C-alpha atoms as a PDB file:
ATOM      1  CA  MET A   1     -20.923   0.785  26.368  1.00  0.00           C
ATOM      2  CA  ASN A   2     -20.112   0.173  22.507  1.00  0.00           C
ATOM      3  CA  THR A   3     -16.432   0.448  21.924  1.00  0.00           C
ATOM      4  CA  GLN A   4     -15.349  -0.580  18.685  1.00  0.00           C
ATOM      5  CA  THR A   5     -11.774  -1.766  18.114  1.00  0.00           C
ATOM      6  CA  GLN A   6      -9.846  -0.197  15.522  1.00  0.00           C
ATOM      7  CA  ARG A   7      -8.508  -2.377  12.572  1.00  0.00           C
ATOM      8  CA  LEU A   8      -5.266  -1.447  10.828  1.00  0.00           C
ATOM      9  CA  LEU A   9      -6.477  -1.743   7.172  1.00  0.00           C
ATOM     10  CA  ARG A  10      -5.495  -0.769   3.761  1.00  0.00           C
ATOM     11  CA  VAL A  11      -7.646   2.031   2.483  1.00  0.00           C
ATOM     12  CA  ARG A  12      -9.246   2.803  -1.101  1.00  0.00           C
ATOM     13  CA  THR A  13      -8.874   6.784  -0.469  1.00  0.00           C
ATOM     14  CA  GLU A  14      -5.835   8.374   0.427  1.00  0.00           C
ATOM     15  CA  ARG A  15      -4.086   5.869  -2.231  1.00  0.00           C
ATOM     16  CA  MET A  16      -0.996   6.207  -4.051  1.00  0.00           C
ATOM     17  CA  LEU A  17       0.023   3.024  -4.718  1.00  0.00           C
ATOM     18  CA  ALA A  18      -1.445   0.165  -2.367  1.00  0.00           C
ATOM     19  CA  GLY A  19      -2.860   2.276   0.663  1.00  0.00           C
ATOM     20  CA  VAL A  20      -0.535   0.957   3.094  1.00  0.00           C
ATOM     21  CA  ALA A  21       0.439   4.722   4.154  1.00  0.00           C
ATOM     22  CA  GLY A  22      -3.135   5.799   4.036  1.00  0.00           C
ATOM     23  CA  GLY A  23      -3.805   3.047   6.296  1.00  0.00           C
ATOM     24  CA  LEU A  24      -1.171   3.549   9.179  1.00  0.00           C
ATOM     25  CA  ALA A  25      -2.183   7.202   8.551  1.00  0.00           C
ATOM     26  CA  ARG A  26      -5.917   7.190   9.641  1.00  0.00           C
ATOM     27  CA  TYR A  27      -4.652   4.125  12.417  1.00  0.00           C
ATOM     28  CA  PHE A  28      -2.576   6.350  13.941  1.00  0.00           C
ATOM     29  CA  GLY A  29      -4.296   9.577  13.172  1.00  0.00           C
ATOM     30  CA  ILE A  30      -1.809  11.548  11.112  1.00  0.00           C
ATOM     31  CA  ASP A  31      -1.235  12.873   7.766  1.00  0.00           C
ATOM     32  CA  PRO A  32      -0.593  10.431   5.517  1.00  0.00           C
ATOM     33  CA  ILE A  33       2.011  12.432   3.376  1.00  0.00           C
ATOM     34  CA  ILE A  34       4.317  11.924   6.716  1.00  0.00           C
ATOM     35  CA  VAL A  35       3.969   8.297   6.740  1.00  0.00           C
ATOM     36  CA  ARG A  36       5.053   8.434   2.911  1.00  0.00           C
ATOM     37  CA  LEU A  37       7.948  10.653   3.782  1.00  0.00           C
ATOM     38  CA  ILE A  38       8.981   7.926   6.486  1.00  0.00           C
ATOM     39  CA  PHE A  39       8.820   5.333   4.042  1.00  0.00           C
ATOM     40  CA  VAL A  40      10.711   7.102   1.411  1.00  0.00           C
ATOM     41  CA  GLY A  41      13.517   8.034   3.861  1.00  0.00           C
ATOM     42  CA  LEU A  42      13.809   4.256   5.253  1.00  0.00           C
ATOM     43  CA  GLY A  43      13.784   3.204   1.471  1.00  0.00           C
ATOM     44  CA  LEU A  44      16.644   5.867   1.065  1.00  0.00           C
ATOM     45  CA  VAL A  45      18.642   5.261   4.077  1.00  0.00           C
ATOM     46  CA  ASN A  46      18.869   1.247   3.985  1.00  0.00           C
ATOM     47  CA  GLY A  47      16.088   0.378   1.494  1.00  0.00           C
ATOM     48  CA  ILE A  48      14.149  -1.189   4.810  1.00  0.00           C
ATOM     49  CA  GLY A  49      11.306   1.048   3.922  1.00  0.00           C
ATOM     50  CA  VAL A  50      10.770  -0.529   0.799  1.00  0.00           C
ATOM     51  CA  ILE A  51      10.717  -4.291   2.457  1.00  0.00           C
ATOM     52  CA  ILE A  52       8.642  -2.806   4.910  1.00  0.00           C
ATOM     53  CA  TYR A  53       5.981  -1.472   2.559  1.00  0.00           C
ATOM     54  CA  LEU A  54       5.961  -4.567   0.738  1.00  0.00           C
ATOM     55  CA  VAL A  55       5.392  -6.874   3.672  1.00  0.00           C
ATOM     56  CA  LEU A  56       2.512  -4.579   5.006  1.00  0.00           C
ATOM     57  CA  TRP A  57       0.930  -4.599   1.392  1.00  0.00           C
ATOM     58  CA  LEU A  58       0.753  -8.444   1.765  1.00  0.00           C
ATOM     59  CA  LEU A  59      -0.385  -8.597   5.418  1.00  0.00           C
ATOM     60  CA  MET A  60      -2.673  -5.561   5.534  1.00  0.00           C
ATOM     61  CA  PRO A  61      -6.386  -6.014   3.924  1.00  0.00           C
ATOM     62  CA  ASN A  62      -8.212  -3.638   1.965  1.00  0.00           C
ATOM     63  CA  GLU A  63     -10.764  -1.910   4.080  1.00  0.00           C
ATOM     64  CA  ASP A  64     -13.526  -3.161   1.740  1.00  0.00           C
ATOM     65  CA  ALA A  65     -12.243  -6.920   1.574  1.00  0.00           C
ATOM     66  CA  ALA A  66     -14.592  -9.759   2.552  1.00  0.00           C
ATOM     67  CA  PRO A  67     -13.865 -11.470   5.666  1.00  0.00           C
ATOM     68  CA  THR A  68     -13.552 -14.708   3.570  1.00  0.00           C
ATOM     69  CA  ASP A  69     -11.046 -13.228   1.490  1.00  0.00           C
ATOM     70  CA  ASN A  70      -7.473 -14.633   1.133  1.00  0.00           C
ATOM     71  CA  ASN A  71      -5.380 -11.325   1.408  1.00  0.00           C
ATOM     72  CA  LEU A  72      -2.695 -12.667   0.284  1.00  0.00           C
ATOM     73  CA  ASN A  73      -3.803 -13.720  -2.583  1.00  0.00           C
ATOM     74  CA  VAL A  74      -5.708 -10.282  -3.346  1.00  0.00           C
ATOM     75  CA  ALA A  75      -2.518  -8.206  -2.397  1.00  0.00           C
ATOM     76  CA  ILE A  76      -0.406 -10.514  -5.107  1.00  0.00           C
ATOM     77  CA  GLY A  77      -2.924  -9.847  -7.465  1.00  0.00           C
ATOM     78  CA  GLU A  78      -2.635  -6.030  -7.141  1.00  0.00           C
ATOM     79  CA  MET A  79       0.920  -6.581  -7.194  1.00  0.00           C
ATOM     80  CA  GLN A  80       0.673  -7.697 -10.516  1.00  0.00           C
ATOM     81  CA  ASP A  81      -1.451  -5.291 -11.865  1.00  0.00           C
ATOM     82  CA  VAL A  82       0.759  -2.304 -10.847  1.00  0.00           C
ATOM     83  CA  ILE A  83       3.843  -4.215 -12.257  1.00  0.00           C
ATOM     84  CA  GLU A  84       1.875  -4.846 -15.526  1.00  0.00           C
ATOM     85  CA  ARG A  85       0.897  -0.891 -15.542  1.00  0.00           C
ATOM     86  CA  LEU A  86       4.365   0.093 -15.023  1.00  0.00           C
ATOM     87  CA  PHE A  87       6.131  -1.979 -17.842  1.00  0.00           C
ATOM     88  CA  ALA A  88       3.272  -0.561 -19.906  1.00  0.00           C
ATOM     89  CA  GLU A  89       4.015   2.729 -19.383  1.00  0.00           C
ATOM     90  CA  ILE A  90       7.787   2.233 -19.681  1.00  0.00           C
ATOM     91  CA  ARG A  91       7.043   0.756 -23.144  1.00  0.00           C
ATOM     92  CA  ASP A  92       5.232   3.221 -24.200  1.00  0.00           C
ATOM     93  CA  VAL A  93       8.102   5.860 -23.383  1.00  0.00           C
ATOM     94  CA  LEU A  94      10.528   3.670 -24.829  1.00  0.00           C
ATOM     95  CA  ARG A  95       8.315   3.600 -28.167  1.00  0.00           C
ATOM     96  CA  ARG A  96       8.632   7.337 -28.446  1.00  0.00           C
ATOM     97  CA  LEU A  97      12.190   7.579 -28.217  1.00  0.00           C
END
């Protein structure tokens, strides 16, 4: 009997920001849009959706990460990249004004 345990991982496909919603959707066998809507709804209601998303981003490993990788360092690096891209886009928009 060869049963493989399913792991909760951030995915590279189905990724809009960090792959958290796609990973949760794959784990539970549902559409990623449903998970994203839940995060947005929780974020709008009391902000907890944003906090949960960020915590899961830090804790969930990438699906292609090596077992020896420190997930926290990888996730923090990804967050820095996203923030830098966001600020660059904001600067570009402000320059056009």
